[in-house]
Amino acid sequence: MHFCIGAHLARMEVTEAVRTFLARMPKFSFDMDKAVRPASSFQWSWNVLPW
């Protein structure tokens, strides 16, 4: 099974980017009533996540 050697760095970069974004926009939120996340054993993300 393939695992990217840069996966840990990518996760760290995304984590820092999200923290910085949320620190600058504290009132940012998602409309969870309109969010769509299908039941799946291989997809862990949202298909629709409006803000």
PDB file of N, CA and C in Angstrom:
ATOM      1  N   MET A   1       0.835  -1.170   0.000  1.00  0.00           N
ATOM      2  CA  MET A   1       0.000   0.000   0.000  1.00  0.00           C
ATOM      3  C   MET A   1       0.888   1.244   0.000  1.00  0.00           C
ATOM      4  N   HIS A   2       0.544   2.200  -0.823  1.00  0.00           N
ATOM      5  CA  HIS A   2       1.321   3.432  -0.941  1.00  0.00           C
ATOM      6  C   HIS A   2       0.987   4.396   0.198  1.00  0.00           C
ATOM      7  N   PHE A   3       1.996   5.004   0.760  1.00  0.00           N
ATOM      8  CA  PHE A   3       1.813   6.077   1.732  1.00  0.00           C
ATOM      9  C   PHE A   3       2.805   7.172   1.391  1.00  0.00           C
ATOM     10  N   CYS A   4       2.289   8.353   1.176  1.00  0.00           N
ATOM     11  CA  CYS A   4       3.119   9.481   0.770  1.00  0.00           C
ATOM     12  C   CYS A   4       4.098   9.867   1.871  1.00  0.00           C
ATOM     13  N   ILE A   5       5.336  10.041   1.519  1.00  0.00           N
ATOM     14  CA  ILE A   5       6.365  10.410   2.493  1.00  0.00           C
ATOM     15  C   ILE A   5       6.124  11.816   3.057  1.00  0.00           C
ATOM     16  N   GLY A   6       5.397  12.643   2.322  1.00  0.00           N
ATOM     17  CA  GLY A   6       5.124  13.998   2.780  1.00  0.00           C
ATOM     18  C   GLY A   6       3.772  14.159   3.468  1.00  0.00           C
ATOM     19  N   ALA A   7       3.088  13.063   3.765  1.00  0.00           N
ATOM     20  CA  ALA A   7       1.739  13.141   4.346  1.00  0.00           C
ATOM     21  C   ALA A   7       1.726  13.872   5.684  1.00  0.00           C
ATOM     22  N   HIS A   8       2.688  13.595   6.536  1.00  0.00           N
ATOM     23  CA  HIS A   8       2.729  14.253   7.852  1.00  0.00           C
ATOM     24  C   HIS A   8       2.945  15.759   7.710  1.00  0.00           C
ATOM     25  N   LEU A   9       3.822  16.149   6.813  1.00  0.00           N
ATOM     26  CA  LEU A   9       4.062  17.572   6.568  1.00  0.00           C
ATOM     27  C   LEU A   9       2.806  18.234   6.005  1.00  0.00           C
ATOM     28  N   ALA A  10       2.139  17.569   5.084  1.00  0.00           N
ATOM     29  CA  ALA A  10       0.913  18.127   4.502  1.00  0.00           C
ATOM     30  C   ALA A  10      -0.158  18.318   5.563  1.00  0.00           C
ATOM     31  N   ARG A  11      -0.327  17.347   6.461  1.00  0.00           N
ATOM     32  CA  ARG A  11      -1.309  17.479   7.537  1.00  0.00           C
ATOM     33  C   ARG A  11      -0.962  18.644   8.457  1.00  0.00           C
ATOM     34  N   MET A  12       0.306  18.782   8.773  1.00  0.00           N
ATOM     35  CA  MET A  12       0.745  19.870   9.638  1.00  0.00           C
ATOM     36  C   MET A  12       0.484  21.223   8.970  1.00  0.00           C
ATOM     37  N   GLU A  13       0.765  21.334   7.683  1.00  0.00           N
ATOM     38  CA  GLU A  13       0.550  22.588   6.964  1.00  0.00           C
ATOM     39  C   GLU A  13      -0.931  22.946   6.905  1.00  0.00           C
ATOM     40  N   VAL A  14      -1.786  21.962   6.639  1.00  0.00           N
ATOM     41  CA  VAL A  14      -3.226  22.228   6.588  1.00  0.00           C
ATOM     42  C   VAL A  14      -3.745  22.619   7.963  1.00  0.00           C
ATOM     43  N   THR A  15      -3.276  21.955   9.007  1.00  0.00           N
ATOM     44  CA  THR A  15      -3.686  22.288  10.368  1.00  0.00           C
ATOM     45  C   THR A  15      -3.332  23.729  10.698  1.00  0.00           C
ATOM     46  N   GLU A  16      -2.133  24.138  10.374  1.00  0.00           N
ATOM     47  CA  GLU A  16      -1.703  25.509  10.648  1.00  0.00           C
ATOM     48  C   GLU A  16      -2.481  26.505   9.800  1.00  0.00           C
ATOM     49  N   ALA A  17      -2.754  26.179   8.557  1.00  0.00           N
ATOM     50  CA  ALA A  17      -3.526  27.077   7.690  1.00  0.00           C
ATOM     51  C   ALA A  17      -4.937  27.282   8.237  1.00  0.00           C
ATOM     52  N   VAL A  18      -5.575  26.205   8.689  1.00  0.00           N
ATOM     53  CA  VAL A  18      -6.931  26.315   9.238  1.00  0.00           C
ATOM     54  C   VAL A  18      -6.918  27.110  10.542  1.00  0.00           C
ATOM     55  N   ARG A  19      -5.943  26.863  11.402  1.00  0.00           N
ATOM     56  CA  ARG A  19      -5.838  27.629  12.655  1.00  0.00           C
ATOM     57  C   ARG A  19      -5.672  29.120  12.376  1.00  0.00           C
ATOM     58  N   THR A  20      -4.818  29.455  11.443  1.00  0.00           N
ATOM     59  CA  THR A  20      -4.584  30.854  11.096  1.00  0.00           C
ATOM     60  C   THR A  20      -5.845  31.485  10.514  1.00  0.00           C
ATOM     61  N   PHE A  21      -6.502  30.772   9.620  1.00  0.00           N
ATOM     62  CA  PHE A  21      -7.736  31.267   9.008  1.00  0.00           C
ATOM     63  C   PHE A  21      -8.793  31.538  10.072  1.00  0.00           C
ATOM     64  N   LEU A  22      -9.012  30.577  10.972  1.00  0.00           N
ATOM     65  CA  LEU A  22     -10.031  30.738  12.008  1.00  0.00           C
ATOM     66  C   LEU A  22      -9.667  31.821  13.014  1.00  0.00           C
ATOM     67  N   ALA A  23      -8.386  32.027  13.267  1.00  0.00           N
ATOM     68  CA  ALA A  23      -7.967  33.099  14.162  1.00  0.00           C
ATOM     69  C   ALA A  23      -8.277  34.470  13.551  1.00  0.00           C
ATOM     70  N   ARG A  24      -8.185  34.557  12.236  1.00  0.00           N
ATOM     71  CA  ARG A  24      -8.445  35.825  11.561  1.00  0.00           C
ATOM     72  C   ARG A  24      -9.927  36.047  11.274  1.00  0.00           C
ATOM     73  N   MET A  25     -10.700  34.974  11.256  1.00  0.00           N
ATOM     74  CA  MET A  25     -12.138  35.065  10.972  1.00  0.00           C
ATOM     75  C   MET A  25     -12.906  34.293  12.043  1.00  0.00           C
ATOM     76  N   PRO A  26     -12.966  34.812  13.270  1.00  0.00           N
ATOM     77  CA  PRO A  26     -13.549  34.063  14.385  1.00  0.00           C
ATOM     78  C   PRO A  26     -15.036  33.762  14.245  1.00  0.00           C
ATOM     79  N   LYS A  27     -15.765  34.511  13.424  1.00  0.00           N
ATOM     80  CA  LYS A  27     -17.203  34.271  13.266  1.00  0.00           C
ATOM     81  C   LYS A  27     -17.525  33.358  12.093  1.00  0.00           C
ATOM     82  N   PHE A  28     -16.529  32.788  11.474  1.00  0.00           N
ATOM     83  CA  PHE A  28     -16.740  31.881  10.345  1.00  0.00           C
ATOM     84  C   PHE A  28     -17.440  30.613  10.821  1.00  0.00           C
ATOM     85  N   SER A  29     -18.428  30.166  10.063  1.00  0.00           N
ATOM     86  CA  SER A  29     -19.123  28.922  10.408  1.00  0.00           C
ATOM     87  C   SER A  29     -19.723  28.291   9.147  1.00  0.00           C
ATOM     88  N   PHE A  30     -20.104  27.047   9.273  1.00  0.00           N
ATOM     89  CA  PHE A  30     -20.731  26.311   8.183  1.00  0.00           C
ATOM     90  C   PHE A  30     -22.223  26.186   8.444  1.00  0.00           C
ATOM     91  N   ASP A  31     -23.000  26.099   7.385  1.00  0.00           N
ATOM     92  CA  ASP A  31     -24.439  25.869   7.490  1.00  0.00           C
ATOM     93  C   ASP A  31     -24.657  24.355   7.527  1.00  0.00           C
ATOM     94  N   MET A  32     -24.621  23.788   8.730  1.00  0.00           N
ATOM     95  CA  MET A  32     -24.684  22.336   8.878  1.00  0.00           C
ATOM     96  C   MET A  32     -26.046  21.754   8.508  1.00  0.00           C
ATOM     97  N   ASP A  33     -27.093  22.587   8.448  1.00  0.00           N
ATOM     98  CA  ASP A  33     -28.405  22.095   8.019  1.00  0.00           C
ATOM     99  C   ASP A  33     -28.412  21.731   6.541  1.00  0.00           C
ATOM    100  N   LYS A  34     -27.508  22.337   5.769  1.00  0.00           N
ATOM    101  CA  LYS A  34     -27.421  22.062   4.335  1.00  0.00           C
ATOM    102  C   LYS A  34     -26.222  21.193   3.967  1.00  0.00           C
ATOM    103  N   ALA A  35     -25.452  20.781   4.937  1.00  0.00           N
ATOM    104  CA  ALA A  35     -24.266  19.960   4.694  1.00  0.00           C
ATOM    105  C   ALA A  35     -24.675  18.539   4.302  1.00  0.00           C
ATOM    106  N   VAL A  36     -23.896  17.945   3.396  1.00  0.00           N
ATOM    107  CA  VAL A  36     -24.174  16.583   2.931  1.00  0.00           C
ATOM    108  C   VAL A  36     -22.917  15.749   3.085  1.00  0.00           C
ATOM    109  N   ARG A  37     -23.038  14.671   3.846  1.00  0.00           N
ATOM    110  CA  ARG A  37     -21.937  13.731   4.012  1.00  0.00           C
ATOM    111  C   ARG A  37     -22.496  12.323   3.827  1.00  0.00           C
ATOM    112  N   PRO A  38     -22.216  11.697   2.692  1.00  0.00           N
ATOM    113  CA  PRO A  38     -22.793  10.382   2.423  1.00  0.00           C
ATOM    114  C   PRO A  38     -22.195   9.302   3.325  1.00  0.00           C
ATOM    115  N   ALA A  39     -23.020   8.324   3.636  1.00  0.00           N
ATOM    116  CA  ALA A  39     -22.526   7.171   4.400  1.00  0.00           C
ATOM    117  C   ALA A  39     -21.599   6.367   3.495  1.00  0.00           C
ATOM    118  N   SER A  40     -20.355   6.210   3.904  1.00  0.00           N
ATOM    119  CA  SER A  40     -19.374   5.518   3.089  1.00  0.00           C
ATOM    120  C   SER A  40     -18.267   4.974   3.981  1.00  0.00           C
ATOM    121  N   SER A  41     -17.731   3.840   3.591  1.00  0.00           N
ATOM    122  CA  SER A  41     -16.636   3.263   4.366  1.00  0.00           C
ATOM    123  C   SER A  41     -15.270   3.705   3.848  1.00  0.00           C
ATOM    124  N   PHE A  42     -15.238   4.421   2.716  1.00  0.00           N
ATOM    125  CA  PHE A  42     -13.948   4.855   2.172  1.00  0.00           C
ATOM    126  C   PHE A  42     -13.849   6.354   1.953  1.00  0.00           C
ATOM    127  N   GLN A  43     -14.930   7.095   2.095  1.00  0.00           N
ATOM    128  CA  GLN A  43     -14.893   8.548   1.919  1.00  0.00           C
ATOM    129  C   GLN A  43     -15.194   9.201   3.252  1.00  0.00           C
ATOM    130  N   TRP A  44     -14.279   9.999   3.764  1.00  0.00           N
ATOM    131  CA  TRP A  44     -14.439  10.617   5.073  1.00  0.00           C
ATOM    132  C   TRP A  44     -14.740  12.101   4.989  1.00  0.00           C
ATOM    133  N   SER A  45     -15.016  12.591   3.820  1.00  0.00           N
ATOM    134  CA  SER A  45     -15.199  14.038   3.673  1.00  0.00           C
ATOM    135  C   SER A  45     -16.647  14.380   3.330  1.00  0.00           C
ATOM    136  N   TRP A  46     -16.921  15.672   3.329  1.00  0.00           N
ATOM    137  CA  TRP A  46     -18.235  16.176   2.999  1.00  0.00           C
ATOM    138  C   TRP A  46     -18.339  16.361   1.494  1.00  0.00           C
ATOM    139  N   ASN A  47     -19.502  16.077   0.921  1.00  0.00           N
ATOM    140  CA  ASN A  47     -19.727  16.359  -0.491  1.00  0.00           C
ATOM    141  C   ASN A  47     -20.190  17.795  -0.693  1.00  0.00           C
ATOM    142  N   VAL A  48     -20.989  18.293   0.264  1.00  0.00           N
ATOM    143  CA  VAL A  48     -21.463  19.668   0.242  1.00  0.00           C
ATOM    144  C   VAL A  48     -21.289  20.243   1.638  1.00  0.00           C
ATOM    145  N   LEU A  49     -20.606  21.363   1.739  1.00  0.00           N
ATOM    146  CA  LEU A  49     -20.385  22.011   3.037  1.00  0.00           C
ATOM    147  C   LEU A  49     -20.475  23.520   2.853  1.00  0.00           C
ATOM    148  N   PRO A  50     -21.715  24.034   2.747  1.00  0.00           N
ATOM    149  CA  PRO A  50     -21.872  25.480   2.501  1.00  0.00           C
ATOM    150  C   PRO A  50     -21.540  26.313   3.735  1.00  0.00           C
ATOM    151  N   TRP A  51     -21.111  27.550   3.504  1.00  0.00           N
ATOM    152  CA  TRP A  51     -20.796  28.459   4.602  1.00  0.00           C
ATOM    153  C   TRP A  51     -21.554  29.727   4.487  1.00  0.00           C
TER     154      TRP A  51
END
